[in-house]
Every structure is written in structure tokens, then in C-alpha cells.
Amino acid sequence: MTKLVDKYMNLESWLSELPIGKIEVILVHDVQDNETALEINRILTEINDNRIKYFERTFGAPGLTRNFGMTAINSEWMWFVDADDLPDIENVLQELESDAPDVEVIIGHFQIDSNGDRTAINPSNKSDLRAIARDPGIWRMVFRTRVFVDYKFQEFRMAEDQLFLIDAHIFERKIKFSYKIFYTYFKHPKGQLTSQKSAISELEKTIPLVVARIQKTGQKTRTYLEVMLARQIATQLKHSTNSEILINLGRNFSSTKKLKFGSQVRVGFELLRILAFKAVGGKNE
């Protein structure tokens, strides 16, 4: 139980310190075991704040959990937060108080906590939308509900947030950039989806979907989508040891040769093709 309690210390910390004012929390537990449900219920019983709405469902995917949460939202703005991280609610509220009526999304800075050592990441630059593509963490973005609530996440455990951002035309939106830290992302190598090979293998399915979306978009947005695609390819190359996955991804290279991708994507697909070639013993596919 000690490890379980440690995992939800951050959740208990910020839920117990919700600032006074108009704020609501939609807490959706994607149930995997009874112990976690008991621990969350203990936390909520002790906090006893009626602004927290709690739901237990079984989805098996973060995107589907968020979709359900969006059906319960009644506020002007929405923000997606993971249970094992730390949001800075005060910083976000300060930005919301000074937002312009036409702003559709507010994007802040974030920091990464790795075993207690924190590194600030400053990707929010008005002149560089590529930074959003390079660091597309959805948890540092606050969305105007009426603009984004009808867009849905897909069932994948990896890159589902990037597909959401692409489908919601994030690079064409009226964006307000903040230099405040909105979020602290905690690295838990043994517990996070980004460290699970079964989740990372789903990039085999998401990469072709991003390719399809690139083909349908204009040149201005295409540049940013290519950065996202290159990032997914790099992640797959870094973590995958499954030859069949590499073979299938390598086949994507053949179907995209006629597309004029940027250099990052072309290099990525070429690496996939080479690895796929090696995976089948040097036989042509």
C-alpha cells in the first residue's frame, strides 16, 4: 500500500489545496484495481469538497477517459491533468483572469521532475509554434470549452493527445502564450505508459494516421505536423525491438515516397526502412 499512497501524493496535495473561487474538478478513475479505488475514495472523503465530481469507469485508455470527463464539464475552460503530476492552479487562474475574449487556448511552461530534480522547459514562444509540436504535452494547455469540447480523443494509449491537437487544428487557433509554469510532469519509468513497450507499440497505428492528416492539410500547418510525426518516429526507433513493428512501419516509407516531407520525417522513414530491411534478414519487402 505504501507505493500506492506515494503514487497519489500529488493528487491529494493539489486537491486538498484548491483555491477559493469558481473552479470544478472532474475526476475520472479508469478502474484497474480495487486498491486504487479505495485510496482515491479515502482522499476524497478526507478532503470533502463538493467541487470535486468523482466517476469510476473502465476504459483502458487515457483518451477515452478524457472524453468521458468532457461530458461532465460545465465551465468556460477545461484542462487535462494526470493523477501523478502537479498542476499549478494559481498560475493558470491568473492567466484566465486576464485573457482576451477571442483567445481559444492558453499554453504555459512546464517542468520535469526526475527523482526530485526539476528541470524547467520553456517551449512557449510566440514566434515558434514548432515548440508546441516538439513538446505537445496536453497538460500545459488550457482550452476554451465551447471551442474544443466536441473534438474527441482516440482509443490509443500513445500519441492520442497529439491526434487530438491535430484534429482540433491547434496550430490555427488563437493562442495566448504564458511564461508561467502550469505543470510539473513527474517521471515514473516503471509506471508510465511512455515506458511500457505495449503502449509504445501503438505508434505503429498512430504514425499512419498522422501521415494521412498531413496529406490533407495546408503547407503552413503541415510543417508543424511533420515535427510531430518526426517525434513519433524517433520514439518508436528509440524503444522498439519488435521486428514485425519495424517492418510494418518501414512499409509506410514506400507509401509516402511521393509526398514532399521535411528532412526530419524523411530521415526517420529512411531509418525505419533500413531497420525493417535488416529485420527480415536483408530481404526486400
Protein backbone atom coordinates (compact mmCIF):
# COMPACT_ATOMS: atom_id res chain seq x y z
CA MET A 1 0.00 0.00 0.00
CA THR A 2 2.96 2.34 0.57
CA LYS A 3 3.75 2.55 -3.15
CA LEU A 4 0.11 3.20 -3.93
CA VAL A 5 -0.08 6.04 -1.40
CA ASP A 6 3.13 7.57 -2.81
CA LYS A 7 1.69 7.45 -6.31
CA TYR A 8 -1.28 9.60 -5.33
CA MET A 9 0.52 12.04 -3.02
CA ASN A 10 0.50 14.69 -5.75
CA LEU A 11 -3.21 14.19 -6.39
CA GLU A 12 -4.02 14.52 -2.70
CA SER A 13 -1.75 17.54 -2.40
CA TRP A 14 -3.39 19.74 -5.03
CA LEU A 15 -6.95 18.54 -4.46
CA SER A 16 -6.68 19.46 -0.79
CA GLU A 17 -5.44 22.97 -1.66
CA LEU A 18 -7.95 24.03 -4.30
CA PRO A 19 -8.13 27.84 -4.32
CA ILE A 20 -11.33 29.56 -3.32
CA GLY A 21 -13.40 30.58 -6.31
CA LYS A 22 -15.15 29.27 -9.36
CA ILE A 23 -13.39 26.00 -10.03
CA GLU A 24 -14.60 22.45 -10.52
CA VAL A 25 -12.68 19.20 -10.78
CA ILE A 26 -13.92 16.28 -12.87
CA LEU A 27 -12.00 13.29 -11.52
CA VAL A 28 -12.41 10.18 -13.67
CA HIS A 29 -10.83 6.97 -12.40
CA ASP A 30 -10.13 4.46 -15.17
CA VAL A 31 -10.51 1.50 -12.82
CA GLN A 32 -7.75 -1.11 -12.98
CA ASP A 33 -7.81 -2.45 -9.42
CA ASN A 34 -9.79 -2.12 -6.19
CA GLU A 35 -6.85 -0.84 -4.13
CA THR A 36 -6.56 2.32 -6.21
CA ALA A 37 -10.29 2.96 -5.95
CA LEU A 38 -10.12 2.61 -2.16
CA GLU A 39 -7.19 5.04 -1.93
CA ILE A 40 -8.88 7.67 -4.10
CA ASN A 41 -12.10 7.40 -2.12
CA ARG A 42 -10.13 7.84 1.10
CA ILE A 43 -8.54 11.01 -0.26
CA LEU A 44 -11.86 12.47 -1.39
CA THR A 45 -13.59 11.61 1.89
CA GLU A 46 -10.92 13.43 3.88
CA ILE A 47 -10.96 16.48 1.57
CA ASN A 48 -14.77 16.64 1.42
CA ASP A 49 -15.01 19.31 -1.28
CA ASN A 50 -18.26 19.32 -3.28
CA ARG A 51 -16.50 21.00 -6.20
CA ILE A 52 -14.88 17.64 -6.97
CA LYS A 53 -17.05 15.33 -9.06
CA TYR A 54 -15.83 11.74 -8.99
CA PHE A 55 -16.58 8.99 -11.51
CA GLU A 56 -15.39 5.39 -11.74
CA ARG A 57 -15.41 3.76 -15.17
CA THR A 58 -13.33 1.22 -17.08
CA PHE A 59 -11.84 2.47 -20.35
CA GLY A 60 -8.27 1.18 -20.52
CA ALA A 61 -7.09 4.29 -22.37
CA PRO A 62 -6.39 7.89 -21.23
CA GLY A 63 -8.12 9.43 -24.25
CA LEU A 64 -11.41 7.63 -23.66
CA THR A 65 -11.25 8.69 -20.01
CA ARG A 66 -10.86 12.32 -21.07
CA ASN A 67 -13.77 12.00 -23.50
CA PHE A 68 -16.00 10.91 -20.64
CA GLY A 69 -14.75 13.73 -18.44
CA MET A 70 -15.61 16.30 -21.10
CA THR A 71 -19.25 15.23 -20.99
CA ALA A 72 -19.43 16.44 -17.38
CA ILE A 73 -17.77 19.85 -17.88
CA ASN A 74 -19.83 22.96 -17.16
CA SER A 75 -17.04 25.53 -17.06
CA GLU A 76 -15.77 28.04 -19.61
CA TRP A 77 -12.29 26.49 -19.69
CA MET A 78 -11.05 22.90 -19.44
CA TRP A 79 -7.66 21.48 -18.52
CA PHE A 80 -6.46 17.86 -18.61
CA VAL A 81 -4.33 16.74 -15.65
CA ASP A 82 -2.80 13.35 -14.84
CA ALA A 83 -3.15 11.97 -11.31
CA ASP A 84 0.57 11.51 -10.66
CA ASP A 85 1.64 15.04 -11.66
CA LEU A 86 1.30 18.52 -10.13
CA PRO A 87 -0.70 21.31 -11.81
CA ASP A 88 -0.10 24.91 -10.73
CA ILE A 89 -3.70 26.05 -10.48
CA GLU A 90 -2.90 29.52 -9.19
CA ASN A 91 -0.74 30.32 -12.22
CA VAL A 92 -3.45 29.14 -14.59
CA LEU A 93 -6.17 31.12 -12.80
CA GLN A 94 -4.06 34.28 -13.05
CA GLU A 95 -3.85 33.84 -16.82
CA LEU A 96 -7.57 33.14 -17.12
CA GLU A 97 -8.39 36.37 -15.30
CA SER A 98 -6.53 38.40 -17.92
CA ASP A 99 -7.48 36.52 -21.07
CA ALA A 100 -8.89 38.22 -24.15
CA PRO A 101 -12.39 37.21 -25.31
CA ASP A 102 -11.07 35.78 -28.58
CA VAL A 103 -8.39 33.56 -27.00
CA GLU A 104 -9.11 29.87 -27.65
CA VAL A 105 -6.23 28.17 -25.86
CA ILE A 106 -3.64 29.24 -23.28
CA ILE A 107 -0.28 27.47 -23.32
CA GLY A 108 2.19 27.70 -20.45
CA HIS A 109 5.59 26.40 -19.45
CA PHE A 110 6.19 23.15 -17.61
CA GLN A 111 8.91 21.43 -15.65
CA ILE A 112 10.03 17.83 -15.38
CA ASP A 113 10.66 16.17 -12.03
CA SER A 114 13.03 13.21 -12.20
CA ASN A 115 13.66 11.73 -8.74
CA GLY A 116 13.35 15.13 -7.11
CA ASP A 117 15.47 17.04 -9.63
CA ARG A 118 13.36 19.55 -11.55
CA THR A 119 14.17 20.96 -14.96
CA ALA A 120 12.12 23.84 -16.37
CA ILE A 121 11.09 23.52 -20.00
CA ASN A 122 10.25 26.78 -21.77
CA PRO A 123 8.60 25.89 -25.08
CA SER A 124 6.01 28.67 -25.19
CA ASN A 125 7.42 31.18 -27.61
CA LYS A 126 5.17 33.41 -29.68
CA SER A 127 7.42 33.14 -32.71
CA ASP A 128 7.95 29.38 -32.65
CA LEU A 129 4.88 27.17 -32.99
CA ARG A 130 7.25 24.30 -33.70
CA ALA A 131 7.95 24.22 -29.98
CA ILE A 132 4.36 23.08 -29.44
CA ALA A 133 4.91 20.28 -31.95
CA ARG A 134 8.16 19.28 -30.26
CA ASP A 135 6.64 19.35 -26.77
CA PRO A 136 2.91 18.70 -27.30
CA GLY A 137 2.12 17.91 -23.66
CA ILE A 138 -1.61 18.50 -23.50
CA TRP A 139 -1.43 19.09 -19.74
CA ARG A 140 0.20 22.52 -20.21
CA MET A 141 -2.67 23.71 -22.39
CA VAL A 142 -5.94 25.20 -21.14
CA PHE A 143 -8.75 25.00 -23.69
CA ARG A 144 -11.84 27.16 -24.10
CA THR A 145 -14.57 24.55 -23.64
CA ARG A 146 -17.03 25.67 -26.31
CA VAL A 147 -14.27 25.55 -28.95
CA PHE A 148 -12.78 22.15 -28.14
CA VAL A 149 -15.40 20.07 -26.32
CA ASP A 150 -16.74 18.43 -29.49
CA TYR A 151 -13.34 17.09 -30.53
CA LYS A 152 -12.65 13.56 -29.28
CA PHE A 153 -9.59 11.59 -28.24
CA GLN A 154 -8.95 8.24 -29.85
CA GLU A 155 -8.54 4.94 -28.03
CA PHE A 156 -4.75 4.71 -28.34
CA ARG A 157 -2.53 4.79 -25.25
CA MET A 158 0.22 6.69 -27.06
CA ALA A 159 0.01 9.84 -29.22
CA GLU A 160 -3.75 10.12 -28.64
CA ASP A 161 -3.18 13.64 -27.34
CA GLN A 162 -1.25 14.60 -30.48
CA LEU A 163 -4.04 13.31 -32.71
CA PHE A 164 -6.49 15.35 -30.63
CA LEU A 165 -4.42 18.50 -31.11
CA ILE A 166 -4.16 17.88 -34.85
CA ASP A 167 -7.88 17.23 -35.27
CA ALA A 168 -8.67 20.33 -33.19
CA HIS A 169 -6.45 22.45 -35.51
CA ILE A 170 -4.31 23.65 -32.62
CA PHE A 171 -1.82 25.45 -34.87
CA GLU A 172 -4.58 27.57 -36.41
CA ARG A 173 -6.12 28.67 -33.12
CA LYS A 174 -5.94 31.98 -31.32
CA ILE A 175 -3.25 31.14 -28.76
CA LYS A 176 -2.19 33.03 -25.68
CA PHE A 177 1.30 32.11 -24.50
CA SER A 178 2.20 32.32 -20.85
CA TYR A 179 5.65 32.33 -19.31
CA LYS A 180 4.28 30.93 -16.06
CA ILE A 181 4.82 27.27 -15.16
CA PHE A 182 1.49 25.50 -15.47
CA TYR A 183 2.54 21.95 -14.76
CA THR A 184 5.14 19.66 -13.20
CA TYR A 185 5.50 16.35 -15.02
CA PHE A 186 6.85 13.52 -12.88
CA LYS A 187 8.92 10.78 -14.46
CA HIS A 188 7.98 7.34 -13.16
CA PRO A 189 9.78 4.93 -15.51
CA LYS A 190 8.06 1.81 -14.18
CA GLY A 191 4.55 3.15 -14.11
CA GLN A 192 4.03 5.45 -17.07
CA LEU A 193 2.66 4.50 -20.47
CA THR A 194 5.72 6.07 -22.08
CA SER A 195 7.84 3.31 -20.51
CA GLN A 196 5.56 0.42 -21.46
CA LYS A 197 6.51 -1.38 -24.67
CA SER A 198 2.92 -2.46 -25.30
CA ALA A 199 1.81 1.19 -25.28
CA ILE A 200 4.74 2.42 -27.36
CA SER A 201 4.00 -0.25 -29.96
CA GLU A 202 0.70 1.53 -30.67
CA LEU A 203 2.70 4.19 -32.51
CA GLU A 204 2.64 1.68 -35.35
CA LYS A 205 -1.05 2.59 -35.68
CA THR A 206 -0.85 6.31 -34.95
CA ILE A 207 2.00 7.16 -37.33
CA PRO A 208 -0.04 6.28 -40.46
CA LEU A 209 -2.93 8.35 -39.08
CA VAL A 210 -0.68 11.38 -38.73
CA VAL A 211 0.63 10.79 -42.27
CA ALA A 212 -2.96 10.77 -43.56
CA ARG A 213 -3.70 14.05 -41.81
CA ILE A 214 -0.57 15.66 -43.21
CA GLN A 215 -1.73 14.84 -46.73
CA LYS A 216 -4.96 16.76 -46.13
CA THR A 217 -3.54 19.88 -44.51
CA GLY A 218 -2.18 23.13 -45.85
CA GLN A 219 1.51 23.95 -46.06
CA LYS A 220 1.55 26.26 -43.04
CA THR A 221 0.16 23.66 -40.65
CA ARG A 222 1.92 20.80 -42.41
CA THR A 223 5.30 21.98 -41.13
CA TYR A 224 4.22 21.56 -37.52
CA LEU A 225 2.56 18.21 -38.14
CA GLU A 226 5.78 16.94 -39.67
CA VAL A 227 7.61 17.82 -36.46
CA MET A 228 5.04 15.80 -34.51
CA LEU A 229 5.44 12.91 -36.92
CA ALA A 230 9.24 13.00 -36.65
CA ARG A 231 8.89 12.92 -32.87
CA GLN A 232 6.70 9.82 -33.00
CA ILE A 233 9.11 8.08 -35.37
CA ALA A 234 12.02 8.90 -33.06
CA THR A 235 10.14 7.46 -30.07
CA GLN A 236 9.39 4.28 -31.99
CA LEU A 237 13.01 3.93 -33.07
CA LYS A 238 14.25 4.52 -29.53
CA HIS A 239 12.08 1.94 -27.82
CA SER A 240 11.03 -0.74 -30.28
CA THR A 241 12.80 -4.09 -30.51
CA ASN A 242 9.89 -5.80 -32.25
CA SER A 243 10.96 -6.63 -35.81
CA GLU A 244 7.38 -7.00 -37.06
CA ILE A 245 6.52 -3.49 -35.91
CA LEU A 246 9.60 -2.11 -37.63
CA ILE A 247 8.71 -3.99 -40.81
CA ASN A 248 5.17 -2.58 -40.83
CA LEU A 249 6.38 0.93 -40.14
CA GLY A 250 9.03 0.56 -42.80
CA ARG A 251 6.32 -0.24 -45.32
CA ASN A 252 4.88 3.20 -44.62
CA PHE A 253 8.01 4.66 -46.17
CA SER A 254 7.14 3.14 -49.54
CA SER A 255 3.63 4.60 -49.48
CA THR A 256 4.90 8.07 -48.61
CA LYS A 257 7.81 8.44 -51.05
CA LYS A 258 5.75 10.64 -53.33
CA LEU A 259 4.94 13.08 -50.51
CA LYS A 260 7.29 16.00 -50.03
CA PHE A 261 8.09 15.60 -46.34
CA GLY A 262 10.58 17.75 -44.48
CA SER A 263 14.07 16.40 -43.82
CA GLN A 264 13.31 15.20 -40.26
CA VAL A 265 10.48 12.96 -41.41
CA ARG A 266 12.34 11.69 -44.50
CA VAL A 267 15.32 10.68 -42.36
CA GLY A 268 13.02 8.98 -39.87
CA PHE A 269 11.24 6.93 -42.51
CA GLU A 270 14.56 6.03 -44.13
CA LEU A 271 15.81 4.70 -40.78
CA LEU A 272 12.63 2.67 -40.41
CA ARG A 273 13.11 1.25 -43.91
CA ILE A 274 16.69 0.22 -43.11
CA LEU A 275 15.70 -1.42 -39.83
CA ALA A 276 12.81 -3.23 -41.50
CA PHE A 277 15.22 -4.45 -44.18
CA LYS A 278 17.55 -5.82 -41.51
CA ALA A 279 14.65 -7.35 -39.56
CA VAL A 280 13.80 -9.65 -42.45
CA GLY A 281 17.38 -10.70 -42.97
CA GLY A 282 18.13 -8.29 -45.76
CA LYS A 283 15.29 -9.48 -47.97
CA ASN A 284 13.40 -6.92 -49.99
CA GLU A 285 9.85 -6.25 -48.86
